[in-house]
Amino acid sequence: FWIKPFSAPGRHDLSLGFTLGNMSAGQPRWGILGAGGISNDFCASLVGNRSSITAVAARDAGKAGDFAKKIGAARAHGSYEALMADPDVDVVYVGTIHTTHAPLTKMALEAGKHVVCEKPLGVNEAEVQELIDLARSKKLLLVEGMWSRFFPAMRKAREVLEFGEIGSPRYVQADFGFVAPAEETHRLWDPQQAGGAMLDVGCYVVQAATMAFGPTLPQQISCTGQLASTGVDKEGSISLTWDGRGSASLICSLTTNTPEQVMVICSKGHLRLHSPAHAPTQITVAREVGRGDFSEETFNFDLPKLPEGLQTNFPNSEGFLYEVQAVEKALKDTLHT
């Protein structure tokens, strides 16, 4: 398992360092953990892709049953353990709250299932490393659902950077903030549910920096911010520096609606991912002509159409289709190698 920081134009982002286990010779068969808003949006793309959805599991059997009917799943389970034991599930999607991501992903891997887990994959480095080691030992596909990387606009940005069309990256500026619900019991404010700005949206701006500078740790890291009364981070400003390469200035917030854009400034121009930059449909590439003078070119990418009768909860969730297709292609390609 691993995800490439860059890939050549037209190629998918998933490296095939895994085996298929007991996957059938047809389409990958999905099992869905969680029946909330994000699972709804992901499953809308499964339906749109005509993917095979075997089962849904939730702690509430009634809710699982209703959701299974809504998305056309073959059956519902009233426990996560039951879905893990389902022999007709090849790949599991984890769409539950942050603190359950690592334990449910571990359970799925131990059951021999491939996994797509919503971000964050874990709430700390130790959790994530354990999952990576487990996936590698079992030769299973493990994907943290950083769906941004699969959007055509993001792939265009990576292509521009990889081929040096506007020189080498020097600076990244990125922001992602929104006004979270005021109730202190909400998961975003609850430390017991791994709330806070960094784990919810800060990961998006950090991935914008690693998109530009590659999957290496910066040599200098500094940050400042404010804590909510519950103890979680409500906003933060992050500075990252890769010695000899460049730096990033990043903002994340649960108290302010920010423009939500990404700017990558390079040695011979710059590019901008337009809002919402975590799920972009538009990119502007500016090539340097002279001091303060740039020739701009804008690329637009229409979102896929939602299946009739289904709705989504979050901006541009139609774009989950790109992630679904990349995962299924990786699994199918391995089937034929």
Protein backbone atom coordinates (compact mmCIF):
# COMPACT_ATOMS: atom_id res chain seq x y z
CA PHE A 1 0.00 0.00 0.00
CA TRP A 2 1.00 3.57 -0.66
CA ILE A 3 -0.21 6.65 -2.49
CA LYS A 4 2.12 8.40 -4.90
CA PRO A 5 2.73 12.13 -4.34
CA PHE A 6 2.81 12.63 -8.09
CA SER A 7 1.72 10.57 -11.05
CA ALA A 8 2.10 11.00 -14.78
CA PRO A 9 -0.85 12.53 -16.65
CA GLY A 10 -3.72 10.13 -17.16
CA ARG A 11 -2.51 7.64 -14.56
CA HIS A 12 -4.30 6.85 -11.33
CA ASP A 13 -2.70 7.67 -8.00
CA LEU A 14 -2.71 4.25 -6.37
CA SER A 15 0.42 2.13 -6.57
CA LEU A 16 -0.31 -1.55 -6.77
CA GLY A 17 1.75 -2.93 -3.88
CA PHE A 18 -0.99 -5.33 -2.75
CA THR A 19 -2.80 -8.53 -3.62
CA LEU A 20 -6.51 -9.15 -4.03
CA GLY A 21 -7.09 -11.84 -1.42
CA ASN A 22 -10.48 -13.41 -2.07
CA MET A 23 -11.88 -10.71 -4.34
CA SER A 24 -14.21 -12.03 -7.00
CA ALA A 25 -13.39 -11.82 -10.68
CA GLY A 26 -15.95 -9.07 -11.27
CA GLN A 27 -16.41 -5.67 -9.70
CA PRO A 28 -15.03 -5.02 -6.21
CA ARG A 29 -17.81 -5.56 -3.68
CA TRP A 30 -18.17 -2.74 -1.17
CA GLY A 31 -19.11 -2.78 2.49
CA ILE A 32 -20.00 0.54 4.11
CA LEU A 33 -19.28 1.31 7.77
CA GLY A 34 -21.47 4.15 8.97
CA ALA A 35 -24.74 5.57 7.70
CA GLY A 36 -24.17 9.29 8.28
CA GLY A 37 -23.71 12.29 6.01
CA ILE A 38 -20.27 11.51 4.60
CA SER A 39 -21.17 7.87 3.92
CA ASN A 40 -24.25 9.12 2.08
CA ASP A 41 -22.14 11.31 -0.17
CA PHE A 42 -19.57 8.60 -0.88
CA CYS A 43 -22.28 6.07 -1.66
CA ALA A 44 -23.98 8.46 -4.06
CA SER A 45 -20.86 8.10 -6.21
CA LEU A 46 -20.86 4.33 -5.80
CA VAL A 47 -24.41 4.32 -7.12
CA GLY A 48 -23.46 6.72 -9.92
CA ASN A 49 -20.56 4.46 -10.84
CA ARG A 50 -22.86 1.40 -10.81
CA SER A 51 -20.56 -0.16 -8.25
CA SER A 52 -21.47 -3.29 -6.32
CA ILE A 53 -22.59 -2.44 -2.77
CA THR A 54 -22.92 -5.63 -0.78
CA ALA A 55 -23.65 -4.38 2.70
CA VAL A 56 -24.05 -1.48 5.12
CA ALA A 57 -23.31 -1.63 8.84
CA ALA A 58 -24.19 0.80 11.61
CA ARG A 59 -24.58 0.63 15.37
CA ASP A 60 -28.32 1.14 14.84
CA ALA A 61 -29.71 -1.79 12.83
CA GLY A 62 -32.76 0.21 11.77
CA LYS A 63 -30.63 3.04 10.44
CA ALA A 64 -28.42 0.56 8.62
CA GLY A 65 -31.47 -1.02 7.02
CA ASP A 66 -32.90 2.30 5.88
CA PHE A 67 -29.56 3.38 4.42
CA ALA A 68 -29.06 0.05 2.65
CA LYS A 69 -32.45 0.42 1.00
CA LYS A 70 -31.67 3.99 -0.02
CA ILE A 71 -28.42 3.11 -1.81
CA GLY A 72 -29.44 -0.30 -3.08
CA ALA A 73 -27.13 -2.37 -0.87
CA ALA A 74 -27.87 -6.08 -0.85
CA ARG A 75 -28.14 -6.27 2.96
CA ALA A 76 -27.66 -4.46 6.25
CA HIS A 77 -25.79 -5.46 9.40
CA GLY A 78 -26.52 -4.21 12.89
CA SER A 79 -22.87 -4.36 13.92
CA TYR A 80 -19.52 -3.56 12.36
CA GLU A 81 -18.24 -7.02 13.30
CA ALA A 82 -20.94 -8.67 11.22
CA LEU A 83 -19.90 -6.76 8.11
CA MET A 84 -16.26 -7.71 8.65
CA ALA A 85 -17.31 -11.37 8.67
CA ASP A 86 -19.35 -10.99 5.47
CA PRO A 87 -17.58 -13.13 2.82
CA ASP A 88 -19.12 -11.10 -0.01
CA VAL A 89 -17.33 -7.85 0.97
CA ASP A 90 -13.97 -7.16 -0.70
CA VAL A 91 -13.35 -3.51 0.18
CA VAL A 92 -14.60 -1.54 3.17
CA TYR A 93 -15.35 2.18 3.32
CA VAL A 94 -15.01 3.69 6.81
CA GLY A 95 -17.24 6.77 7.18
CA THR A 96 -17.62 6.96 10.96
CA ILE A 97 -16.34 9.52 13.52
CA HIS A 98 -12.61 10.25 13.77
CA THR A 99 -11.86 8.21 16.88
CA THR A 100 -13.24 5.03 15.31
CA HIS A 101 -11.29 5.28 12.06
CA ALA A 102 -8.17 3.45 13.22
CA PRO A 103 -9.85 0.64 15.18
CA LEU A 104 -12.39 -0.08 12.44
CA THR A 105 -9.72 0.05 9.74
CA LYS A 106 -7.58 -2.37 11.77
CA MET A 107 -10.56 -4.69 12.18
CA ALA A 108 -11.21 -4.64 8.43
CA LEU A 109 -7.58 -5.31 7.51
CA GLU A 110 -7.39 -8.18 9.98
CA ALA A 111 -10.49 -9.62 8.29
CA GLY A 112 -8.68 -9.50 4.94
CA LYS A 113 -10.57 -6.54 3.49
CA HIS A 114 -9.14 -3.69 1.46
CA VAL A 115 -9.96 -0.33 3.08
CA VAL A 116 -10.80 3.23 2.07
CA CYS A 117 -10.93 5.23 5.31
CA GLU A 118 -12.10 8.80 5.60
CA LYS A 119 -9.49 11.28 6.76
CA PRO A 120 -7.94 11.34 9.23
CA LEU A 121 -6.78 7.73 9.00
CA GLY A 122 -5.83 7.96 12.67
CA VAL A 123 -5.66 10.59 15.36
CA ASN A 124 -1.89 10.27 15.84
CA GLU A 125 1.21 8.94 14.10
CA ALA A 126 1.34 5.68 16.06
CA GLU A 127 -2.18 4.70 14.98
CA VAL A 128 -1.43 5.41 11.33
CA GLN A 129 1.90 3.59 11.32
CA GLU A 130 0.30 0.49 12.84
CA LEU A 131 -2.28 0.44 10.04
CA ILE A 132 0.33 0.92 7.33
CA ASP A 133 2.43 -1.93 8.72
CA LEU A 134 -0.63 -4.18 8.95
CA ALA A 135 -1.77 -3.43 5.40
CA ARG A 136 1.71 -4.11 4.03
CA SER A 137 2.04 -7.37 5.95
CA LYS A 138 -1.28 -8.59 4.57
CA LYS A 139 -0.70 -7.12 1.09
CA LEU A 140 -3.98 -5.21 1.21
CA LEU A 141 -4.90 -1.83 -0.26
CA LEU A 142 -5.24 0.89 2.38
CA VAL A 143 -6.29 4.37 1.27
CA GLU A 144 -6.77 7.43 3.42
CA GLY A 145 -9.69 9.18 1.76
CA MET A 146 -7.89 12.38 0.76
CA TRP A 147 -10.32 12.66 -2.13
CA SER A 148 -8.94 16.03 -3.22
CA ARG A 149 -6.04 14.33 -4.99
CA PHE A 150 -8.36 12.57 -7.44
CA PHE A 151 -10.18 15.66 -8.77
CA PRO A 152 -9.28 16.48 -12.39
CA ALA A 153 -8.43 20.06 -11.39
CA MET A 154 -6.02 18.78 -8.75
CA ARG A 155 -4.52 16.31 -11.20
CA LYS A 156 -4.00 19.19 -13.62
CA ALA A 157 -2.20 21.15 -10.91
CA ARG A 158 0.05 18.18 -10.19
CA GLU A 159 0.77 17.76 -13.89
CA VAL A 160 1.80 21.41 -14.20
CA LEU A 161 4.09 21.09 -11.19
CA GLU A 162 5.57 17.73 -12.17
CA PHE A 163 6.50 18.85 -15.67
CA GLY A 164 7.90 22.21 -14.49
CA GLU A 165 5.60 24.27 -16.70
CA ILE A 166 5.92 27.23 -14.33
CA GLY A 167 9.25 26.32 -12.77
CA SER A 168 9.90 24.90 -9.32
CA PRO A 169 7.54 25.41 -6.35
CA ARG A 170 8.75 28.06 -3.91
CA TYR A 171 5.76 29.00 -1.73
CA VAL A 172 2.33 27.58 -0.93
CA GLN A 173 -0.50 29.59 0.59
CA ALA A 174 -3.67 27.73 1.56
CA ASP A 175 -6.69 28.24 3.83
CA PHE A 176 -9.71 26.21 4.85
CA GLY A 177 -12.17 27.48 7.42
CA PHE A 178 -15.89 27.40 8.15
CA VAL A 179 -18.16 28.24 11.06
CA ALA A 180 -18.82 25.05 12.99
CA PRO A 181 -22.06 24.41 14.90
CA ALA A 182 -22.15 26.31 18.18
CA GLU A 183 -23.16 23.37 20.41
CA GLU A 184 -20.18 22.30 22.51
CA THR A 185 -21.40 18.71 22.37
CA HIS A 186 -20.89 18.63 18.60
CA ARG A 187 -18.11 16.25 17.51
CA LEU A 188 -16.01 19.13 16.16
CA TRP A 189 -15.69 20.61 19.66
CA ASP A 190 -15.39 17.32 21.53
CA PRO A 191 -11.84 16.13 22.38
CA GLN A 192 -13.20 12.64 23.05
CA GLN A 193 -14.29 12.50 19.39
CA ALA A 194 -10.98 13.93 18.12
CA GLY A 195 -12.51 17.30 17.32
CA GLY A 196 -10.66 20.43 16.31
CA ALA A 197 -9.74 22.33 13.17
CA MET A 198 -6.52 20.49 12.37
CA LEU A 199 -7.94 16.98 12.15
CA ASP A 200 -11.08 18.10 10.33
CA VAL A 201 -9.83 20.60 7.74
CA GLY A 202 -6.18 21.34 8.51
CA CYS A 203 -5.17 18.11 6.82
CA TYR A 204 -6.39 19.56 3.51
CA VAL A 205 -4.06 22.55 3.61
CA VAL A 206 -1.14 20.38 4.71
CA GLN A 207 -1.71 18.06 1.75
CA ALA A 208 -1.62 21.11 -0.53
CA ALA A 209 1.92 21.75 0.70
CA THR A 210 3.04 18.15 0.24
CA MET A 211 1.47 18.18 -3.21
CA ALA A 212 3.93 20.92 -4.11
CA PHE A 213 7.02 19.82 -2.19
CA GLY A 214 6.56 16.05 -2.10
CA PRO A 215 5.95 13.47 0.63
CA THR A 216 8.82 14.48 2.89
CA LEU A 217 8.82 16.07 6.32
CA PRO A 218 9.67 19.77 6.38
CA GLN A 219 12.81 20.66 8.30
CA GLN A 220 11.08 23.54 10.09
CA ILE A 221 7.58 23.43 11.59
CA SER A 222 5.91 26.17 13.61
CA CYS A 223 2.33 26.98 14.45
CA THR A 224 0.15 29.21 16.52
CA GLY A 225 -3.56 29.23 17.23
CA GLN A 226 -6.34 29.31 19.78
CA LEU A 227 -8.13 26.64 21.76
CA ALA A 228 -11.87 26.40 22.29
CA SER A 229 -13.27 26.18 25.82
CA THR A 230 -13.50 22.39 25.34
CA GLY A 231 -9.76 22.17 24.75
CA VAL A 232 -9.66 21.45 21.01
CA ASP A 233 -8.02 23.78 18.51
CA LYS A 234 -10.57 26.16 17.01
CA GLU A 235 -8.15 27.84 14.60
CA GLY A 236 -4.51 27.73 13.67
CA SER A 237 -1.77 29.16 11.50
CA ILE A 238 0.96 26.79 10.32
CA SER A 239 4.37 27.52 8.80
CA LEU A 240 6.35 24.74 7.11
CA THR A 241 9.79 25.04 5.50
CA TRP A 242 11.64 22.56 3.33
CA ASP A 243 15.29 23.62 3.39
CA GLY A 244 16.56 24.62 -0.03
CA ARG A 245 13.15 24.14 -1.62
CA GLY A 246 10.41 26.39 -0.25
CA SER A 247 7.84 27.07 2.43
CA ALA A 248 4.12 26.99 3.13
CA SER A 249 1.79 29.29 5.07
CA LEU A 250 -1.43 27.54 6.01
CA ILE A 251 -4.61 28.52 7.89
CA CYS A 252 -7.39 26.32 9.27
CA SER A 253 -10.41 27.43 11.28
CA LEU A 254 -13.72 26.35 12.81
CA THR A 255 -14.73 29.95 13.55
CA THR A 256 -14.49 31.73 10.19
CA ASN A 257 -15.59 31.14 6.63
CA THR A 258 -12.36 31.61 4.67
CA PRO A 259 -11.95 32.02 0.87
CA GLU A 260 -10.66 28.41 0.70
CA GLN A 261 -8.13 28.68 -2.07
CA VAL A 262 -4.68 27.25 -2.71
CA MET A 263 -1.89 29.28 -4.32
CA VAL A 264 1.35 27.62 -5.38
CA ILE A 265 3.98 30.23 -6.30
CA CYS A 266 6.76 28.88 -8.50
CA SER A 267 9.99 30.22 -9.99
CA LYS A 268 8.35 31.03 -13.33
CA GLY A 269 4.72 31.64 -12.45
CA HIS A 270 1.98 30.43 -10.13
CA LEU A 271 -1.19 28.37 -10.05
CA ARG A 272 -4.39 28.83 -8.11
CA LEU A 273 -6.94 26.20 -7.14
CA HIS A 274 -10.23 28.06 -6.87
CA SER A 275 -12.72 27.62 -4.04
CA PRO A 276 -13.57 25.10 -2.75
CA ALA A 277 -9.91 24.12 -3.10
CA HIS A 278 -10.33 20.80 -1.27
CA ALA A 279 -12.79 19.75 -3.98
CA PRO A 280 -11.84 22.00 -6.90
CA THR A 281 -13.39 22.32 -10.31
CA GLN A 282 -11.30 25.25 -11.55
CA ILE A 283 -7.58 26.00 -11.75
CA THR A 284 -5.77 29.06 -13.11
CA VAL A 285 -2.18 28.70 -14.34
CA ALA A 286 -0.22 31.97 -14.60
CA ARG A 287 3.01 31.99 -16.59
CA GLU A 288 5.53 34.73 -15.91
CA VAL A 289 5.94 37.37 -18.60
CA GLY A 290 7.75 40.03 -16.56
CA ARG A 291 7.76 41.57 -13.11
CA GLY A 292 4.14 41.57 -11.97
CA ASP A 293 3.04 40.48 -15.45
CA PHE A 294 1.60 37.02 -16.05
CA SER A 295 -0.22 35.25 -18.85
CA GLU A 296 -3.15 33.39 -17.30
CA GLU A 297 -4.99 30.32 -18.49
CA THR A 298 -8.01 28.92 -16.64
CA PHE A 299 -9.17 25.31 -16.81
CA ASN A 300 -12.68 24.24 -15.80
CA PHE A 301 -13.82 20.72 -14.97
CA ASP A 302 -17.54 19.97 -14.63
CA LEU A 303 -18.64 17.79 -11.73
CA PRO A 304 -20.25 14.41 -12.44
CA LYS A 305 -24.02 14.22 -12.32
CA LEU A 306 -25.67 12.83 -9.21
CA PRO A 307 -27.84 9.73 -9.63
CA GLU A 308 -31.54 10.56 -9.74
CA GLY A 309 -33.17 10.69 -6.33
CA LEU A 310 -29.95 11.11 -4.33
CA GLN A 311 -28.66 14.25 -2.65
CA THR A 312 -25.35 15.17 -1.00
CA ASN A 313 -24.49 17.04 2.19
CA PHE A 314 -21.15 18.68 1.48
CA PRO A 315 -19.75 20.94 -1.29
CA ASN A 316 -18.85 19.17 -4.53
CA SER A 317 -19.39 15.70 -3.08
CA GLU A 318 -20.22 14.55 -6.59
CA GLY A 319 -16.43 14.39 -6.94
CA PHE A 320 -16.21 11.30 -4.73
CA LEU A 321 -16.72 9.51 -8.04
CA TYR A 322 -13.09 10.19 -8.97
CA GLU A 323 -11.83 8.47 -5.83
CA VAL A 324 -14.20 5.53 -6.30
CA GLN A 325 -13.02 5.02 -9.86
CA ALA A 326 -9.33 5.19 -8.89
CA VAL A 327 -9.76 2.59 -6.15
CA GLU A 328 -11.76 0.23 -8.34
CA LYS A 329 -9.30 0.59 -11.21
CA ALA A 330 -6.39 -0.23 -8.90
CA LEU A 331 -8.15 -3.35 -7.67
CA LYS A 332 -9.23 -4.47 -11.14
CA ASP A 333 -5.77 -3.82 -12.63
CA THR A 334 -4.23 -6.04 -9.97
CA LEU A 335 -6.79 -8.74 -10.77
CA HIS A 336 -5.43 -8.91 -14.31
CA THR A 337 -1.70 -8.80 -13.53
